[in-house]
């Protein structure tokens, strides 16, 4: 089963005031944490989408096993980064069955959570397998190829939530206990480090 991965790391961290992709937790940048967990899986290719701060981030992240692409239109919102990532992913991999979309600031992501998505997909045959945390479903999320066209047509900053909302009967979920912990503000980052 061919599954590729997209890690979204293009945002400008407006509420934080500095690139959150480069914040460190337990000695690693947030982007490194997600990238390393992705690399522990068998899913290839892995595409990291950069945008704001692309130069700074790419200087600190150069893993030859990962493809880095720049979304020059990152200000248009997360949908444009999904478009950039998926276009790059499909460029040389027309036979991909699924894509997993992840974000760069879920500190507690693990390879096991990524693998749970594909295992659930194989068990349920649902076209979407999302992570469940708090009162919501979200990233990382697996989409079967039947949703690729819709992913490429998304607009704005809502990401792929619209597709989840429109297809509840074709969606399954896996638990990601600390998935709600992401880093949007200085307070978030402070709290994360307090709780190490």
Protein backbone atom coordinates (compact mmCIF):
# COMPACT_ATOMS: atom_id res chain seq x y z
CA UNK A 1 0.00 0.00 0.00
CA UNK A 2 1.67 3.17 -1.19
CA UNK A 3 1.27 5.99 1.31
CA UNK A 4 3.09 9.31 1.13
CA UNK A 5 3.34 12.02 3.77
CA UNK A 6 3.08 15.79 3.79
CA UNK A 7 4.30 17.80 6.79
CA UNK A 8 2.92 21.33 6.76
CA UNK A 9 5.52 23.82 8.02
CA UNK A 10 4.79 26.94 5.99
CA UNK A 11 2.98 29.21 8.47
CA UNK A 12 4.40 32.45 9.79
CA UNK A 13 3.51 31.74 13.44
CA UNK A 14 1.84 35.16 13.64
CA UNK A 15 0.64 34.73 17.22
CA UNK A 16 4.04 33.54 18.39
CA UNK A 17 6.20 36.19 16.74
CA UNK A 18 8.93 33.73 15.71
CA UNK A 19 9.05 30.59 13.58
CA UNK A 20 7.58 27.83 15.73
CA UNK A 21 9.09 25.23 13.44
CA UNK A 22 12.47 26.17 14.98
CA UNK A 23 11.37 26.13 18.63
CA UNK A 24 13.06 23.35 20.54
CA UNK A 25 11.61 20.73 22.84
CA UNK A 26 13.87 18.27 24.61
CA UNK A 27 16.77 19.35 22.43
CA UNK A 28 15.08 19.04 19.03
CA UNK A 29 13.19 21.53 16.89
CA UNK A 30 9.47 20.91 16.53
CA UNK A 31 9.92 20.19 12.83
CA UNK A 32 12.72 17.72 13.58
CA UNK A 33 10.49 15.85 16.04
CA UNK A 34 7.73 15.36 13.45
CA UNK A 35 10.20 14.60 10.65
CA UNK A 36 12.04 11.95 12.65
CA UNK A 37 8.82 10.19 13.61
CA UNK A 38 7.71 10.24 9.96
CA UNK A 39 11.03 8.71 8.90
CA UNK A 40 10.52 5.81 11.32
CA UNK A 41 7.56 4.68 9.20
CA UNK A 42 7.71 3.00 5.82
CA UNK A 43 5.77 5.83 4.16
CA UNK A 44 7.54 7.52 1.30
CA UNK A 45 7.97 10.03 -0.08
CA UNK A 46 7.91 12.53 2.76
CA UNK A 47 7.39 16.13 1.70
CA UNK A 48 7.91 19.08 4.04
CA UNK A 49 6.16 22.24 2.85
CA UNK A 50 7.96 25.44 3.83
CA UNK A 51 6.77 29.00 3.30
CA UNK A 52 7.39 31.84 5.74
CA UNK A 53 10.95 31.63 7.10
CA UNK A 54 11.78 29.03 4.42
CA UNK A 55 15.45 30.06 4.28
CA UNK A 56 15.95 29.95 8.05
CA UNK A 57 14.16 26.65 8.43
CA UNK A 58 15.85 24.92 5.51
CA UNK A 59 19.28 25.83 6.91
CA UNK A 60 18.42 23.88 10.05
CA UNK A 61 16.66 20.96 8.33
CA UNK A 62 18.38 19.12 5.52
CA UNK A 63 17.60 15.47 5.71
CA UNK A 64 18.37 13.79 2.38
CA UNK A 65 15.50 11.33 2.91
CA UNK A 66 12.96 14.17 2.89
CA UNK A 67 11.92 16.48 0.05
CA UNK A 68 11.53 20.14 0.97
CA UNK A 69 9.28 22.30 -1.18
CA UNK A 70 8.46 25.98 -0.77
CA UNK A 71 4.93 27.32 -0.98
CA UNK A 72 5.46 30.84 -2.30
CA UNK A 73 1.76 31.47 -1.77
CA UNK A 74 1.76 30.52 1.93
CA UNK A 75 -0.08 33.71 2.91
CA UNK A 76 -3.18 32.31 1.17
CA UNK A 77 -3.56 29.85 4.04
CA UNK A 78 -3.09 26.19 4.85
CA UNK A 79 -5.01 25.02 1.77
CA UNK A 80 -2.27 26.41 -0.48
CA UNK A 81 0.33 24.38 1.41
CA UNK A 82 -1.74 21.22 1.04
CA UNK A 83 -1.91 21.98 -2.70
CA UNK A 84 1.86 22.54 -2.89
CA UNK A 85 2.64 19.39 -0.92
CA UNK A 86 0.22 17.10 -2.71
CA UNK A 87 1.26 18.37 -6.14
CA UNK A 88 4.90 17.64 -5.28
CA UNK A 89 3.96 14.26 -3.83
CA UNK A 90 2.06 13.16 -6.93
CA UNK A 91 4.63 14.56 -9.33
CA UNK A 92 6.66 11.35 -9.50
CA UNK A 93 4.31 9.07 -7.59
CA UNK A 94 1.16 8.73 -9.66
CA UNK A 95 0.35 5.36 -8.06
CA UNK A 96 0.00 6.66 -4.50
CA UNK A 97 -2.99 5.14 -2.71
CA UNK A 98 -3.06 7.45 0.32
CA UNK A 99 -1.55 10.58 1.75
CA UNK A 100 -1.06 11.42 5.42
CA UNK A 101 -1.12 15.13 6.23
CA UNK A 102 0.70 16.18 9.40
CA UNK A 103 1.64 19.53 10.95
CA UNK A 104 4.94 20.69 12.36
CA UNK A 105 3.84 21.65 15.86
CA UNK A 106 2.23 18.53 17.34
CA UNK A 107 5.09 17.78 19.72
CA UNK A 108 3.78 14.44 20.93
CA UNK A 109 3.40 12.83 17.53
CA UNK A 110 4.86 9.34 17.17
CA UNK A 111 5.48 6.93 14.33
CA UNK A 112 2.95 4.63 16.00
CA UNK A 113 0.20 7.22 15.56
CA UNK A 114 1.01 7.52 11.86
CA UNK A 115 0.95 3.72 11.55
CA UNK A 116 -2.37 3.54 13.40
CA UNK A 117 -3.90 5.63 10.62
CA UNK A 118 -2.99 3.16 7.89
CA UNK A 119 -3.86 0.14 10.01
CA UNK A 120 -7.29 1.63 10.65
CA UNK A 121 -7.66 2.35 6.94
CA UNK A 122 -6.93 -1.30 6.12
CA UNK A 123 -9.42 -2.49 8.74
CA UNK A 124 -12.28 -0.15 7.91
CA UNK A 125 -11.71 0.74 4.23
CA UNK A 126 -12.84 4.27 5.10
CA UNK A 127 -11.54 6.96 2.75
CA UNK A 128 -10.52 9.25 5.61
CA UNK A 129 -8.86 8.32 8.90
CA UNK A 130 -8.39 11.28 11.24
CA UNK A 131 -6.79 11.64 14.63
CA UNK A 132 -9.19 12.21 17.50
CA UNK A 133 -8.38 14.42 20.48
CA UNK A 134 -10.30 16.68 22.79
CA UNK A 135 -13.64 17.32 21.15
CA UNK A 136 -12.38 17.31 17.58
CA UNK A 137 -10.84 15.35 14.74
CA UNK A 138 -7.79 16.58 12.92
CA UNK A 139 -4.16 16.01 11.98
CA UNK A 140 -2.47 13.80 11.32
CA UNK A 141 -5.09 12.59 8.90
CA UNK A 142 -5.03 10.00 6.12
CA UNK A 143 -6.85 10.59 2.85
CA UNK A 144 -7.39 7.94 0.22
CA UNK A 145 -6.65 8.94 -3.38
CA UNK A 146 -10.36 9.42 -4.09
CA UNK A 147 -10.04 12.68 -2.12
CA UNK A 148 -6.92 13.97 -3.85
CA UNK A 149 -8.89 16.14 -6.29
CA UNK A 150 -10.84 17.74 -3.42
CA UNK A 151 -7.64 18.36 -1.46
CA UNK A 152 -6.18 20.17 -4.46
CA UNK A 153 -9.26 22.41 -4.68
CA UNK A 154 -9.28 23.58 -1.06
CA UNK A 155 -9.03 27.30 -0.35
CA UNK A 156 -8.25 29.46 2.67
CA UNK A 157 -6.93 28.65 6.11
CA UNK A 158 -9.30 25.92 7.26
CA UNK A 159 -7.11 23.19 5.82
CA UNK A 160 -8.83 19.89 5.13
CA UNK A 161 -11.41 20.15 7.94
CA UNK A 162 -14.05 20.95 5.32
CA UNK A 163 -13.57 17.52 3.71
CA UNK A 164 -13.84 15.81 7.10
CA UNK A 165 -17.05 17.69 7.87
CA UNK A 166 -18.60 16.80 4.51
CA UNK A 167 -17.82 13.06 4.67
CA UNK A 168 -18.62 11.77 8.18
CA UNK A 169 -19.85 8.41 6.89
CA UNK A 170 -16.55 7.75 5.10
CA UNK A 171 -14.39 8.72 8.07
CA UNK A 172 -12.86 6.68 10.86
CA UNK A 173 -10.70 7.96 13.74
CA UNK A 174 -7.77 6.86 15.86
CA UNK A 175 -6.95 8.25 19.28
CA UNK A 176 -4.06 10.73 19.64
CA UNK A 177 -4.12 11.45 23.34
CA UNK A 178 -1.98 14.60 23.32
CA UNK A 179 -2.94 15.74 19.85
CA UNK A 180 -4.60 18.88 21.17
CA UNK A 181 -1.22 20.17 22.39
CA UNK A 182 0.18 22.38 19.67
CA UNK A 183 2.20 25.57 19.83
CA UNK A 184 0.46 28.74 18.68
CA UNK A 185 1.49 31.26 21.34
CA UNK A 186 4.38 32.00 23.70
CA UNK A 187 2.13 30.79 26.54
CA UNK A 188 1.66 27.43 24.79
CA UNK A 189 5.43 27.05 24.49
CA UNK A 190 6.02 28.09 28.07
CA UNK A 191 3.44 25.58 29.31
CA UNK A 192 4.98 22.83 27.22
CA UNK A 193 8.41 23.38 28.74
CA UNK A 194 6.99 23.66 32.27
CA UNK A 195 5.46 20.22 31.88
CA UNK A 196 8.51 18.36 30.61
